[in-house]
Amino acid sequence: MNWYCFKLLFFLILFQSCIETNSSGFQFKDYDELTSNSVNIVDSISFRYPFRVRQKDTTLYVLDLHGRQFYCFQLFYPNIANKKKFASKGNGPEEFLSVENIRLSSSGDIYLLDANKETISIYNTNEDSIKKEIKLPDELLRSLDFALINDSLFAIADYTGKCRINMVDINGKIQQKLFQIPTKKYKDVSYSKIVLAQAWRSFIDYNPGNGILAMATQLGQVIEIYDLKKNEIVNILFGKYGEPEFTNQGSYAIPNGIMGYSDIQVGNDAIYTVFWGTPFKDIQRDPFNTLEGGDMIQVFSLEGKPLQQYILDRHITGFSVNERNKKLIGLDVNNEQQIVEYQL
């Protein structure tokens, strides 16, 4: 009798856990199809891999991840024309080995993350020079994304597996270590936490107005929402594909699930993401005919409620949303016209 009760209790717990797991998978009730609007290109501009775009009034800042001579471009908008190239490629003073992300401050300065040099540089485009180069702490492992909290504090995604976010000040000192990787499947692992952190590489963004920092996994389909004013978890959302799938090979995380998100923006009213959803087996089967980028814009409330999904007529890598006029500027690496625009 006791053994029977034990088995019954076990299956009830298992059944309940299945219900909870399935209920955590977010879904969108419907979707809208969007067609890109034509953008007036005044100058011929060719990027190798346009990855990030930021907008400030009538200026666009575009990060070319694999730039030939320069990583960053300042462009006139809405009539796209060259204004300035900066962040020159090289190993010399005021040159960059890489640029992973570009951030604009309220004071007009530009912050650039160089993972290879392990620095964040404050760049002044008016003087065309670096005001300050911040050496990141040695304990951080190849930082691949960061968000600007204010002019003197950054949130940097952690790749040691010891925490989720490092708060680093303008002197390169860690002030806080926040949160943990929200894995359900790999809580008890025999391999290094660094491997798990690799698999959970995420893109991040922060809005100083509402204090919300959000992260979107490059692999799998997980959205993390944190309130940095309270240092609290707002929500952890697991989509249809769940958390990143990978195997551990030689202390490296080898992905075997899907390409997930490639950009995220925390607005005043909502959180915007671009989602690929491309299985790695399809990429491996036909790598030369697989489009780069995602054709789905997924929008969530600041609390994590799925609001809207848009299906695009193109695949984009990075984007910027203007919530006032409901316009989205996207970057398409698959076509000659690489800057596109959508009305949400």
C-alpha atoms as a PDB file:
ATOM      1  CA  MET A   1       0.000   0.000   0.000  1.00  0.00           C
ATOM      2  CA  ASN A   2       2.784   2.412   0.885  1.00  0.00           C
ATOM      3  CA  TRP A   3       4.660   1.576  -2.336  1.00  0.00           C
ATOM      4  CA  TYR A   4       1.478   2.131  -4.340  1.00  0.00           C
ATOM      5  CA  CYS A   5       0.923   5.527  -2.699  1.00  0.00           C
ATOM      6  CA  PHE A   6       4.536   6.455  -3.362  1.00  0.00           C
ATOM      7  CA  LYS A   7       4.203   5.621  -7.061  1.00  0.00           C
ATOM      8  CA  LEU A   8       0.915   7.493  -7.300  1.00  0.00           C
ATOM      9  CA  LEU A   9       2.468  10.544  -5.651  1.00  0.00           C
ATOM     10  CA  PHE A  10       5.457  10.337  -8.016  1.00  0.00           C
ATOM     11  CA  PHE A  11       3.281  10.302 -11.132  1.00  0.00           C
ATOM     12  CA  LEU A  12       1.116  13.117  -9.787  1.00  0.00           C
ATOM     13  CA  ILE A  13       4.215  15.247  -9.242  1.00  0.00           C
ATOM     14  CA  LEU A  14       5.530  14.336 -12.697  1.00  0.00           C
ATOM     15  CA  PHE A  15       2.183  15.180 -14.280  1.00  0.00           C
ATOM     16  CA  GLN A  16       1.984  18.477 -12.428  1.00  0.00           C
ATOM     17  CA  SER A  17       5.523  19.413 -13.486  1.00  0.00           C
ATOM     18  CA  CYS A  18       4.586  18.722 -17.112  1.00  0.00           C
ATOM     19  CA  ILE A  19       1.595  21.018 -16.799  1.00  0.00           C
ATOM     20  CA  GLU A  20       3.742  23.786 -15.320  1.00  0.00           C
ATOM     21  CA  THR A  21       6.408  23.406 -18.007  1.00  0.00           C
ATOM     22  CA  ASN A  22       3.896  23.595 -20.835  1.00  0.00           C
ATOM     23  CA  SER A  23       2.071  26.546 -19.307  1.00  0.00           C
ATOM     24  CA  SER A  24       5.318  28.563 -19.184  1.00  0.00           C
ATOM     25  CA  GLY A  25       5.683  28.463 -22.975  1.00  0.00           C
ATOM     26  CA  PHE A  26       4.506  31.844 -24.212  1.00  0.00           C
ATOM     27  CA  GLN A  27       2.410  32.126 -27.366  1.00  0.00           C
ATOM     28  CA  PHE A  28       1.072  34.921 -29.541  1.00  0.00           C
ATOM     29  CA  LYS A  29      -2.624  34.797 -30.386  1.00  0.00           C
ATOM     30  CA  ASP A  30      -2.195  36.201 -33.872  1.00  0.00           C
ATOM     31  CA  TYR A  31       0.278  37.978 -36.126  1.00  0.00           C
ATOM     32  CA  ASP A  32       0.446  40.773 -38.686  1.00  0.00           C
ATOM     33  CA  GLU A  33       2.380  40.609 -41.940  1.00  0.00           C
ATOM     34  CA  LEU A  34       4.480  43.689 -42.688  1.00  0.00           C
ATOM     35  CA  THR A  35       5.925  44.876 -45.996  1.00  0.00           C
ATOM     36  CA  SER A  36       9.072  46.987 -45.955  1.00  0.00           C
ATOM     37  CA  ASN A  37       8.839  50.587 -47.104  1.00  0.00           C
ATOM     38  CA  SER A  38      11.315  52.020 -49.575  1.00  0.00           C
ATOM     39  CA  VAL A  39      14.095  54.106 -48.039  1.00  0.00           C
ATOM     40  CA  ASN A  40      15.666  56.920 -50.040  1.00  0.00           C
ATOM     41  CA  ILE A  41      19.373  56.066 -50.376  1.00  0.00           C
ATOM     42  CA  VAL A  42      21.320  59.173 -51.414  1.00  0.00           C
ATOM     43  CA  ASP A  43      24.815  57.676 -51.139  1.00  0.00           C
ATOM     44  CA  SER A  44      25.838  54.178 -52.104  1.00  0.00           C
ATOM     45  CA  ILE A  45      26.548  52.405 -48.823  1.00  0.00           C
ATOM     46  CA  SER A  46      27.792  48.845 -48.611  1.00  0.00           C
ATOM     47  CA  PHE A  47      28.221  47.053 -45.311  1.00  0.00           C
ATOM     48  CA  ARG A  48      29.738  43.616 -44.874  1.00  0.00           C
ATOM     49  CA  TYR A  49      27.501  42.613 -41.952  1.00  0.00           C
ATOM     50  CA  PRO A  50      25.311  45.416 -40.570  1.00  0.00           C
ATOM     51  CA  PHE A  51      24.482  44.257 -37.067  1.00  0.00           C
ATOM     52  CA  ARG A  52      23.256  47.146 -34.905  1.00  0.00           C
ATOM     53  CA  VAL A  53      21.467  50.403 -35.657  1.00  0.00           C
ATOM     54  CA  ARG A  54      20.743  53.278 -33.276  1.00  0.00           C
ATOM     55  CA  GLN A  55      18.681  56.345 -34.041  1.00  0.00           C
ATOM     56  CA  LYS A  56      18.957  59.802 -32.568  1.00  0.00           C
ATOM     57  CA  ASP A  57      16.733  62.432 -34.188  1.00  0.00           C
ATOM     58  CA  THR A  58      17.837  62.714 -37.844  1.00  0.00           C
ATOM     59  CA  THR A  59      20.952  60.580 -37.452  1.00  0.00           C
ATOM     60  CA  LEU A  60      21.502  56.834 -37.654  1.00  0.00           C
ATOM     61  CA  TYR A  61      24.489  55.018 -36.179  1.00  0.00           C
ATOM     62  CA  VAL A  62      25.159  51.669 -37.853  1.00  0.00           C
ATOM     63  CA  LEU A  63      27.581  49.033 -36.568  1.00  0.00           C
ATOM     64  CA  ASP A  64      29.145  46.890 -39.303  1.00  0.00           C
ATOM     65  CA  LEU A  65      30.262  43.786 -37.428  1.00  0.00           C
ATOM     66  CA  HIS A  66      32.840  42.831 -40.090  1.00  0.00           C
ATOM     67  CA  GLY A  67      33.740  46.290 -41.350  1.00  0.00           C
ATOM     68  CA  ARG A  68      36.580  46.577 -43.855  1.00  0.00           C
ATOM     69  CA  GLN A  69      38.252  49.737 -42.540  1.00  0.00           C
ATOM     70  CA  PHE A  70      35.676  51.113 -40.114  1.00  0.00           C
ATOM     71  CA  TYR A  71      33.187  49.451 -37.793  1.00  0.00           C
ATOM     72  CA  CYS A  72      30.772  52.351 -37.322  1.00  0.00           C
ATOM     73  CA  PHE A  73      28.943  54.740 -39.603  1.00  0.00           C
ATOM     74  CA  GLN A  74      27.057  57.931 -38.872  1.00  0.00           C
ATOM     75  CA  LEU A  75      24.318  58.471 -41.459  1.00  0.00           C
ATOM     76  CA  PHE A  76      21.797  61.163 -42.271  1.00  0.00           C
ATOM     77  CA  TYR A  77      18.154  60.069 -41.922  1.00  0.00           C
ATOM     78  CA  PRO A  78      15.505  59.730 -43.385  1.00  0.00           C
ATOM     79  CA  ASN A  79      17.372  60.374 -46.646  1.00  0.00           C
ATOM     80  CA  ILE A  80      20.234  57.941 -46.110  1.00  0.00           C
ATOM     81  CA  ALA A  81      23.596  59.551 -46.810  1.00  0.00           C
ATOM     82  CA  ASN A  82      27.108  59.213 -45.397  1.00  0.00           C
ATOM     83  CA  LYS A  83      27.937  61.627 -42.609  1.00  0.00           C
ATOM     84  CA  LYS A  84      30.990  60.100 -40.963  1.00  0.00           C
ATOM     85  CA  LYS A  85      32.889  56.836 -40.538  1.00  0.00           C
ATOM     86  CA  PHE A  86      34.529  56.071 -37.212  1.00  0.00           C
ATOM     87  CA  ALA A  87      35.977  53.283 -35.057  1.00  0.00           C
ATOM     88  CA  SER A  88      38.785  52.435 -37.471  1.00  0.00           C
ATOM     89  CA  LYS A  89      39.960  48.841 -37.661  1.00  0.00           C
ATOM     90  CA  GLY A  90      43.444  48.089 -36.297  1.00  0.00           C
ATOM     91  CA  ASN A  91      45.611  47.415 -33.286  1.00  0.00           C
ATOM     92  CA  GLY A  92      46.979  50.898 -32.820  1.00  0.00           C
ATOM     93  CA  PRO A  93      45.975  53.695 -30.445  1.00  0.00           C
ATOM     94  CA  GLU A  94      42.302  54.698 -30.832  1.00  0.00           C
ATOM     95  CA  GLU A  95      41.730  51.725 -33.168  1.00  0.00           C
ATOM     96  CA  PHE A  96      39.494  48.714 -32.623  1.00  0.00           C
ATOM     97  CA  LEU A  97      40.026  44.987 -33.015  1.00  0.00           C
ATOM     98  CA  SER A  98      36.260  44.492 -32.925  1.00  0.00           C
ATOM     99  CA  VAL A  99      33.067  46.306 -32.001  1.00  0.00           C
ATOM    100  CA  GLU A 100      30.283  44.198 -30.513  1.00  0.00           C
ATOM    101  CA  ASN A 101      27.769  46.914 -29.749  1.00  0.00           C
ATOM    102  CA  ILE A 102      27.211  50.647 -29.898  1.00  0.00           C
ATOM    103  CA  ARG A 103      25.339  52.722 -27.332  1.00  0.00           C
ATOM    104  CA  LEU A 104      24.298  56.378 -27.307  1.00  0.00           C
ATOM    105  CA  SER A 105      24.384  58.388 -24.095  1.00  0.00           C
ATOM    106  CA  SER A 106      22.124  61.258 -23.095  1.00  0.00           C
ATOM    107  CA  SER A 107      25.141  63.596 -23.281  1.00  0.00           C
ATOM    108  CA  GLY A 108      25.778  62.744 -26.933  1.00  0.00           C
ATOM    109  CA  ASP A 109      28.773  60.473 -26.447  1.00  0.00           C
ATOM    110  CA  ILE A 110      29.017  57.059 -28.074  1.00  0.00           C
ATOM    111  CA  TYR A 111      30.076  53.960 -26.130  1.00  0.00           C
ATOM    112  CA  LEU A 112      31.710  51.093 -28.040  1.00  0.00           C
ATOM    113  CA  LEU A 113      32.467  47.611 -26.716  1.00  0.00           C
ATOM    114  CA  ASP A 114      35.602  45.895 -28.068  1.00  0.00           C
ATOM    115  CA  ALA A 115      35.589  42.246 -26.930  1.00  0.00           C
ATOM    116  CA  ASN A 116      39.087  41.549 -28.254  1.00  0.00           C
ATOM    117  CA  LYS A 117      40.715  44.486 -26.490  1.00  0.00           C
ATOM    118  CA  GLU A 118      38.375  43.991 -23.525  1.00  0.00           C
ATOM    119  CA  THR A 119      37.527  47.680 -23.414  1.00  0.00           C
ATOM    120  CA  ILE A 120      34.619  50.091 -23.558  1.00  0.00           C
ATOM    121  CA  SER A 121      35.549  53.301 -25.352  1.00  0.00           C
ATOM    122  CA  ILE A 122      33.748  56.614 -25.021  1.00  0.00           C
ATOM    123  CA  TYR A 123      33.873  58.175 -28.475  1.00  0.00           C
ATOM    124  CA  ASN A 124      33.215  61.811 -29.353  1.00  0.00           C
ATOM    125  CA  THR A 125      32.176  62.089 -33.005  1.00  0.00           C
ATOM    126  CA  ASN A 126      32.394  65.895 -32.997  1.00  0.00           C
ATOM    127  CA  GLU A 127      36.102  65.773 -32.142  1.00  0.00           C
ATOM    128  CA  ASP A 128      36.552  62.396 -33.855  1.00  0.00           C
ATOM    129  CA  SER A 129      38.497  61.045 -30.908  1.00  0.00           C
ATOM    130  CA  ILE A 130      38.229  58.733 -27.909  1.00  0.00           C
ATOM    131  CA  LYS A 131      37.553  60.608 -24.672  1.00  0.00           C
ATOM    132  CA  LYS A 132      38.188  57.631 -22.428  1.00  0.00           C
ATOM    133  CA  GLU A 133      39.082  53.959 -22.798  1.00  0.00           C
ATOM    134  CA  ILE A 134      37.835  51.752 -19.965  1.00  0.00           C
ATOM    135  CA  LYS A 135      39.666  48.474 -19.356  1.00  0.00           C
ATOM    136  CA  LEU A 136      37.206  45.790 -18.304  1.00  0.00           C
ATOM    137  CA  PRO A 137      37.945  43.608 -15.262  1.00  0.00           C
ATOM    138  CA  ASP A 138      40.213  40.620 -15.907  1.00  0.00           C
ATOM    139  CA  GLU A 139      37.686  38.223 -14.363  1.00  0.00           C
ATOM    140  CA  LEU A 140      35.198  38.882 -17.156  1.00  0.00           C
ATOM    141  CA  LEU A 141      35.450  36.454 -20.070  1.00  0.00           C
ATOM    142  CA  ARG A 142      35.223  38.056 -23.506  1.00  0.00           C
ATOM    143  CA  SER A 143      32.278  40.356 -22.927  1.00  0.00           C
ATOM    144  CA  LEU A 144      30.002  40.271 -25.966  1.00  0.00           C
ATOM    145  CA  ASP A 145      27.256  42.721 -25.057  1.00  0.00           C
ATOM    146  CA  PHE A 146      26.573  45.573 -22.701  1.00  0.00           C
ATOM    147  CA  ALA A 147      23.893  48.101 -21.850  1.00  0.00           C
ATOM    148  CA  LEU A 148      24.355  51.673 -20.732  1.00  0.00           C
ATOM    149  CA  ILE A 149      22.743  52.251 -17.334  1.00  0.00           C
ATOM    150  CA  ASN A 150      23.954  55.845 -17.172  1.00  0.00           C
ATOM    151  CA  ASP A 151      27.050  57.759 -18.270  1.00  0.00           C
ATOM    152  CA  SER A 152      29.185  56.023 -15.651  1.00  0.00           C
ATOM    153  CA  LEU A 153      27.680  52.554 -15.156  1.00  0.00           C
ATOM    154  CA  PHE A 154      27.263  49.557 -17.463  1.00  0.00           C
ATOM    155  CA  ALA A 155      25.443  46.246 -17.344  1.00  0.00           C
ATOM    156  CA  ILE A 156      27.607  43.534 -18.920  1.00  0.00           C
ATOM    157  CA  ALA A 157      26.422  40.001 -19.600  1.00  0.00           C
ATOM    158  CA  ASP A 158      28.461  37.457 -17.634  1.00  0.00           C
ATOM    159  CA  TYR A 159      30.199  34.466 -19.275  1.00  0.00           C
ATOM    160  CA  THR A 160      31.822  32.909 -16.220  1.00  0.00           C
ATOM    161  CA  GLY A 161      28.553  31.327 -15.085  1.00  0.00           C
ATOM    162  CA  LYS A 162      28.911  32.926 -11.642  1.00  0.00           C
ATOM    163  CA  CYS A 163      26.091  35.406 -12.227  1.00  0.00           C
ATOM    164  CA  ARG A 164      23.938  36.751 -15.052  1.00  0.00           C
ATOM    165  CA  ILE A 165      24.855  40.440 -15.123  1.00  0.00           C
ATOM    166  CA  ASN A 166      27.905  42.379 -13.958  1.00  0.00           C
ATOM    167  CA  MET A 167      27.447  46.029 -13.048  1.00  0.00           C
ATOM    168  CA  VAL A 168      30.711  47.764 -13.991  1.00  0.00           C
ATOM    169  CA  ASP A 169      31.545  51.403 -13.326  1.00  0.00           C
ATOM    170  CA  ILE A 170      33.401  53.863 -15.531  1.00  0.00           C
ATOM    171  CA  ASN A 171      36.696  52.920 -13.854  1.00  0.00           C
ATOM    172  CA  GLY A 172      36.322  49.291 -14.873  1.00  0.00           C
ATOM    173  CA  LYS A 173      35.405  48.042 -11.412  1.00  0.00           C
ATOM    174  CA  ILE A 174      32.625  45.540 -10.752  1.00  0.00           C
ATOM    175  CA  GLN A 175      30.101  47.101  -8.386  1.00  0.00           C
ATOM    176  CA  GLN A 176      27.520  44.307  -8.305  1.00  0.00           C
ATOM    177  CA  LYS A 177      26.886  40.786  -9.556  1.00  0.00           C
ATOM    178  CA  LEU A 178      23.215  40.186 -10.217  1.00  0.00           C
ATOM    179  CA  PHE A 179      20.959  37.164 -10.802  1.00  0.00           C
ATOM    180  CA  GLN A 180      21.735  33.688 -12.122  1.00  0.00           C
ATOM    181  CA  ILE A 181      21.307  31.831 -15.415  1.00  0.00           C
ATOM    182  CA  PRO A 182      17.620  30.793 -15.281  1.00  0.00           C
ATOM    183  CA  THR A 183      18.168  27.247 -16.541  1.00  0.00           C
ATOM    184  CA  LYS A 184      15.716  24.492 -15.643  1.00  0.00           C
ATOM    185  CA  LYS A 185      17.382  21.654 -17.545  1.00  0.00           C
ATOM    186  CA  TYR A 186      21.016  22.145 -16.570  1.00  0.00           C
ATOM    187  CA  LYS A 187      20.885  23.044 -12.869  1.00  0.00           C
ATOM    188  CA  ASP A 188      23.039  20.063 -11.922  1.00  0.00           C
ATOM    189  CA  VAL A 189      25.840  19.794 -14.444  1.00  0.00           C
ATOM    190  CA  SER A 190      29.191  18.073 -14.335  1.00  0.00           C
ATOM    191  CA  TYR A 191      30.869  20.428 -16.778  1.00  0.00           C
ATOM    192  CA  SER A 192      32.068  23.969 -16.225  1.00  0.00           C
ATOM    193  CA  LYS A 193      29.563  26.754 -15.638  1.00  0.00           C
ATOM    194  CA  ILE A 194      31.444  28.620 -18.361  1.00  0.00           C
ATOM    195  CA  VAL A 195      30.046  26.151 -20.910  1.00  0.00           C
ATOM    196  CA  LEU A 196      26.513  26.821 -19.703  1.00  0.00           C
ATOM    197  CA  ALA A 197      27.148  30.572 -19.882  1.00  0.00           C
ATOM    198  CA  GLN A 198      28.366  30.192 -23.482  1.00  0.00           C
ATOM    199  CA  ALA A 199      25.155  28.416 -24.445  1.00  0.00           C
ATOM    200  CA  TRP A 200      23.118  31.089 -22.704  1.00  0.00           C
ATOM    201  CA  ARG A 201      24.727  33.968 -24.587  1.00  0.00           C
ATOM    202  CA  SER A 202      22.079  36.671 -24.689  1.00  0.00           C
ATOM    203  CA  PHE A 203      21.599  40.127 -26.149  1.00  0.00           C
ATOM    204  CA  ILE A 204      20.613  42.808 -23.662  1.00  0.00           C
ATOM    205  CA  ASP A 205      19.057  46.255 -23.483  1.00  0.00           C
ATOM    206  CA  TYR A 206      18.098  48.690 -20.746  1.00  0.00           C
ATOM    207  CA  ASN A 207      15.683  51.596 -20.500  1.00  0.00           C
ATOM    208  CA  PRO A 208      16.712  54.170 -17.843  1.00  0.00           C
ATOM    209  CA  GLY A 209      13.200  55.627 -17.780  1.00  0.00           C
ATOM    210  CA  ASN A 210      11.481  52.537 -16.411  1.00  0.00           C
ATOM    211  CA  GLY A 211      14.543  50.689 -15.058  1.00  0.00           C
ATOM    212  CA  ILE A 212      13.823  47.548 -17.078  1.00  0.00           C
ATOM    213  CA  LEU A 213      16.701  45.429 -18.396  1.00  0.00           C
ATOM    214  CA  ALA A 214      15.777  42.583 -20.742  1.00  0.00           C
ATOM    215  CA  MET A 215      17.799  39.733 -22.226  1.00  0.00           C
ATOM    216  CA  ALA A 216      17.061  37.497 -25.222  1.00  0.00           C
ATOM    217  CA  THR A 217      18.913  34.234 -25.857  1.00  0.00           C
ATOM    218  CA  GLN A 218      20.876  33.837 -29.081  1.00  0.00           C
ATOM    219  CA  LEU A 219      20.111  30.124 -28.876  1.00  0.00           C
ATOM    220  CA  GLY A 220      16.716  28.793 -27.826  1.00  0.00           C
ATOM    221  CA  GLN A 221      13.774  31.052 -27.026  1.00  0.00           C
ATOM    222  CA  VAL A 222      14.021  32.682 -23.602  1.00  0.00           C
ATOM    223  CA  ILE A 223      13.266  36.270 -22.584  1.00  0.00           C
ATOM    224  CA  GLU A 224      14.491  37.525 -19.211  1.00  0.00           C
ATOM    225  CA  ILE A 225      13.104  40.711 -17.686  1.00  0.00           C
ATOM    226  CA  TYR A 226      14.691  42.403 -14.667  1.00  0.00           C
ATOM    227  CA  ASP A 227      13.885  45.572 -12.730  1.00  0.00           C
ATOM    228  CA  LEU A 228      17.249  47.162 -11.934  1.00  0.00           C
ATOM    229  CA  LYS A 229      15.722  49.887  -9.795  1.00  0.00           C
ATOM    230  CA  LYS A 230      14.613  47.161  -7.388  1.00  0.00           C
ATOM    231  CA  ASN A 231      17.146  44.493  -8.419  1.00  0.00           C
ATOM    232  CA  GLU A 232      14.265  42.078  -8.895  1.00  0.00           C
ATOM    233  CA  ILE A 233      13.280  39.470 -11.444  1.00  0.00           C
ATOM    234  CA  VAL A 234      10.149  40.626 -13.268  1.00  0.00           C
ATOM    235  CA  ASN A 235       9.633  37.557 -15.459  1.00  0.00           C
ATOM    236  CA  ILE A 236      11.417  34.698 -17.215  1.00  0.00           C
ATOM    237  CA  LEU A 237       9.632  33.643 -20.413  1.00  0.00           C
ATOM    238  CA  PHE A 238      10.215  30.311 -22.146  1.00  0.00           C
ATOM    239  CA  GLY A 239       8.867  30.036 -25.671  1.00  0.00           C
ATOM    240  CA  LYS A 240       8.062  27.048 -27.859  1.00  0.00           C
ATOM    241  CA  TYR A 241      11.742  26.125 -28.332  1.00  0.00           C
ATOM    242  CA  GLY A 242      12.616  26.546 -24.675  1.00  0.00           C
ATOM    243  CA  GLU A 243      16.087  27.143 -23.338  1.00  0.00           C
ATOM    244  CA  PRO A 244      19.284  26.706 -25.395  1.00  0.00           C
ATOM    245  CA  GLU A 245      20.070  23.155 -26.510  1.00  0.00           C
ATOM    246  CA  PHE A 246      23.741  22.215 -26.686  1.00  0.00           C
ATOM    247  CA  THR A 247      26.366  19.552 -26.141  1.00  0.00           C
ATOM    248  CA  ASN A 248      29.601  19.959 -24.220  1.00  0.00           C
ATOM    249  CA  GLN A 249      32.639  19.285 -26.398  1.00  0.00           C
ATOM    250  CA  GLY A 250      36.101  20.136 -25.138  1.00  0.00           C
ATOM    251  CA  SER A 251      34.812  22.751 -22.695  1.00  0.00           C
ATOM    252  CA  TYR A 252      32.811  24.453 -25.444  1.00  0.00           C
ATOM    253  CA  ALA A 253      29.045  24.622 -25.866  1.00  0.00           C
ATOM    254  CA  ILE A 254      28.152  23.273 -29.325  1.00  0.00           C
ATOM    255  CA  PRO A 255      24.599  24.370 -30.239  1.00  0.00           C
ATOM    256  CA  ASN A 256      22.227  21.761 -31.607  1.00  0.00           C
ATOM    257  CA  GLY A 257      18.856  23.489 -31.227  1.00  0.00           C
ATOM    258  CA  ILE A 258      17.929  26.714 -32.990  1.00  0.00           C
ATOM    259  CA  MET A 259      19.177  30.188 -33.698  1.00  0.00           C
ATOM    260  CA  GLY A 260      16.954  32.299 -31.494  1.00  0.00           C
ATOM    261  CA  TYR A 261      17.067  36.064 -31.029  1.00  0.00           C
ATOM    262  CA  SER A 262      19.618  38.508 -32.427  1.00  0.00           C
ATOM    263  CA  ASP A 263      18.496  41.851 -31.001  1.00  0.00           C
ATOM    264  CA  ILE A 264      16.296  43.319 -28.284  1.00  0.00           C
ATOM    265  CA  GLN A 265      15.081  46.798 -27.399  1.00  0.00           C
ATOM    266  CA  VAL A 266      13.422  47.910 -24.184  1.00  0.00           C
ATOM    267  CA  GLY A 267      11.106  50.776 -25.033  1.00  0.00           C
ATOM    268  CA  ASN A 268       9.055  53.014 -22.793  1.00  0.00           C
ATOM    269  CA  ASP A 269       5.935  50.933 -23.342  1.00  0.00           C
ATOM    270  CA  ALA A 270       7.087  47.502 -24.551  1.00  0.00           C
ATOM    271  CA  ILE A 271       9.984  45.142 -25.250  1.00  0.00           C
ATOM    272  CA  TYR A 272      10.822  44.409 -28.899  1.00  0.00           C
ATOM    273  CA  THR A 273      12.835  41.441 -30.210  1.00  0.00           C
ATOM    274  CA  VAL A 274      13.803  39.921 -33.552  1.00  0.00           C
ATOM    275  CA  PHE A 275      13.511  36.127 -33.664  1.00  0.00           C
ATOM    276  CA  TRP A 276      15.046  33.699 -36.167  1.00  0.00           C
ATOM    277  CA  GLY A 277      13.755  30.266 -35.143  1.00  0.00           C
ATOM    278  CA  THR A 278      16.129  28.550 -37.592  1.00  0.00           C
ATOM    279  CA  PRO A 279      17.131  24.969 -36.637  1.00  0.00           C
ATOM    280  CA  PHE A 280      20.876  24.335 -36.752  1.00  0.00           C
ATOM    281  CA  LYS A 281      20.269  21.116 -38.669  1.00  0.00           C
ATOM    282  CA  ASP A 282      18.766  23.216 -41.499  1.00  0.00           C
ATOM    283  CA  ILE A 283      21.740  25.596 -41.433  1.00  0.00           C
ATOM    284  CA  GLN A 284      24.174  22.672 -41.589  1.00  0.00           C
ATOM    285  CA  ARG A 285      22.203  21.023 -44.374  1.00  0.00           C
ATOM    286  CA  ASP A 286      22.245  24.076 -46.646  1.00  0.00           C
ATOM    287  CA  PRO A 287      24.479  26.802 -45.171  1.00  0.00           C
ATOM    288  CA  PHE A 288      24.867  28.852 -48.365  1.00  0.00           C
ATOM    289  CA  ASN A 289      21.132  29.244 -48.945  1.00  0.00           C
ATOM    290  CA  THR A 290      20.139  30.025 -45.360  1.00  0.00           C
ATOM    291  CA  LEU A 291      19.106  33.652 -44.915  1.00  0.00           C
ATOM    292  CA  GLU A 292      20.836  35.581 -42.150  1.00  0.00           C
ATOM    293  CA  GLY A 293      18.527  37.179 -39.629  1.00  0.00           C
ATOM    294  CA  GLY A 294      14.999  36.737 -38.387  1.00  0.00           C
ATOM    295  CA  ASP A 295      11.699  37.573 -40.035  1.00  0.00           C
ATOM    296  CA  MET A 296       9.686  37.776 -36.798  1.00  0.00           C
ATOM    297  CA  ILE A 297       9.373  40.806 -34.532  1.00  0.00           C
ATOM    298  CA  GLN A 298       7.976  39.715 -31.178  1.00  0.00           C
ATOM    299  CA  VAL A 299       6.629  42.359 -28.806  1.00  0.00           C
ATOM    300  CA  PHE A 300       6.109  41.898 -25.056  1.00  0.00           C
ATOM    301  CA  SER A 301       4.791  44.123 -22.303  1.00  0.00           C
ATOM    302  CA  LEU A 302       7.263  45.327 -19.687  1.00  0.00           C
ATOM    303  CA  GLU A 303       5.846  42.621 -17.424  1.00  0.00           C
ATOM    304  CA  GLY A 304       6.400  39.906 -20.039  1.00  0.00           C
ATOM    305  CA  LYS A 305       2.953  39.480 -21.558  1.00  0.00           C
ATOM    306  CA  PRO A 306       3.135  38.536 -25.278  1.00  0.00           C
ATOM    307  CA  LEU A 307       1.487  41.428 -27.124  1.00  0.00           C
ATOM    308  CA  GLN A 308       2.082  41.107 -30.839  1.00  0.00           C
ATOM    309  CA  GLN A 309       4.060  39.180 -33.425  1.00  0.00           C
ATOM    310  CA  TYR A 310       4.933  40.688 -36.813  1.00  0.00           C
ATOM    311  CA  ILE A 311       6.028  38.629 -39.814  1.00  0.00           C
ATOM    312  CA  LEU A 312       8.415  40.587 -42.036  1.00  0.00           C
ATOM    313  CA  ASP A 313       8.987  40.256 -45.767  1.00  0.00           C
ATOM    314  CA  ARG A 314      12.741  40.294 -45.086  1.00  0.00           C
ATOM    315  CA  HIS A 315      15.178  38.785 -42.622  1.00  0.00           C
ATOM    316  CA  ILE A 316      16.919  41.340 -40.410  1.00  0.00           C
ATOM    317  CA  THR A 317      19.786  41.084 -37.928  1.00  0.00           C
ATOM    318  CA  GLY A 318      19.359  44.259 -35.872  1.00  0.00           C
ATOM    319  CA  PHE A 319      16.724  46.976 -35.546  1.00  0.00           C
ATOM    320  CA  SER A 320      15.652  50.172 -33.841  1.00  0.00           C
ATOM    321  CA  VAL A 321      12.059  51.078 -32.967  1.00  0.00           C
ATOM    322  CA  ASN A 322      10.754  54.629 -32.655  1.00  0.00           C
ATOM    323  CA  GLU A 323       7.703  54.258 -30.402  1.00  0.00           C
ATOM    324  CA  ARG A 324       6.436  57.762 -31.152  1.00  0.00           C
ATOM    325  CA  ASN A 325       5.886  57.212 -34.873  1.00  0.00           C
ATOM    326  CA  LYS A 326       5.742  53.380 -34.701  1.00  0.00           C
ATOM    327  CA  LYS A 327       8.560  52.985 -37.218  1.00  0.00           C
ATOM    328  CA  LEU A 328      11.089  50.166 -37.184  1.00  0.00           C
ATOM    329  CA  ILE A 329      14.436  50.483 -38.952  1.00  0.00           C
ATOM    330  CA  GLY A 330      15.989  47.114 -39.734  1.00  0.00           C
ATOM    331  CA  LEU A 331      19.273  45.804 -41.154  1.00  0.00           C
ATOM    332  CA  ASP A 332      19.141  43.228 -43.947  1.00  0.00           C
ATOM    333  CA  VAL A 333      22.479  41.560 -44.760  1.00  0.00           C
ATOM    334  CA  ASN A 334      20.927  39.452 -47.518  1.00  0.00           C
ATOM    335  CA  ASN A 335      20.135  42.255 -49.984  1.00  0.00           C
ATOM    336  CA  GLU A 336      21.875  45.179 -51.650  1.00  0.00           C
ATOM    337  CA  GLN A 337      19.517  47.609 -49.915  1.00  0.00           C
ATOM    338  CA  GLN A 338      20.556  46.824 -46.379  1.00  0.00           C
ATOM    339  CA  ILE A 339      18.618  49.493 -44.482  1.00  0.00           C
ATOM    340  CA  VAL A 340      14.872  48.871 -44.461  1.00  0.00           C
ATOM    341  CA  GLU A 341      11.895  50.454 -42.741  1.00  0.00           C
ATOM    342  CA  TYR A 342       8.569  49.140 -41.423  1.00  0.00           C
ATOM    343  CA  GLN A 343       5.455  50.793 -40.045  1.00  0.00           C
ATOM    344  CA  LEU A 344       4.283  48.837 -37.002  1.00  0.00           C
END
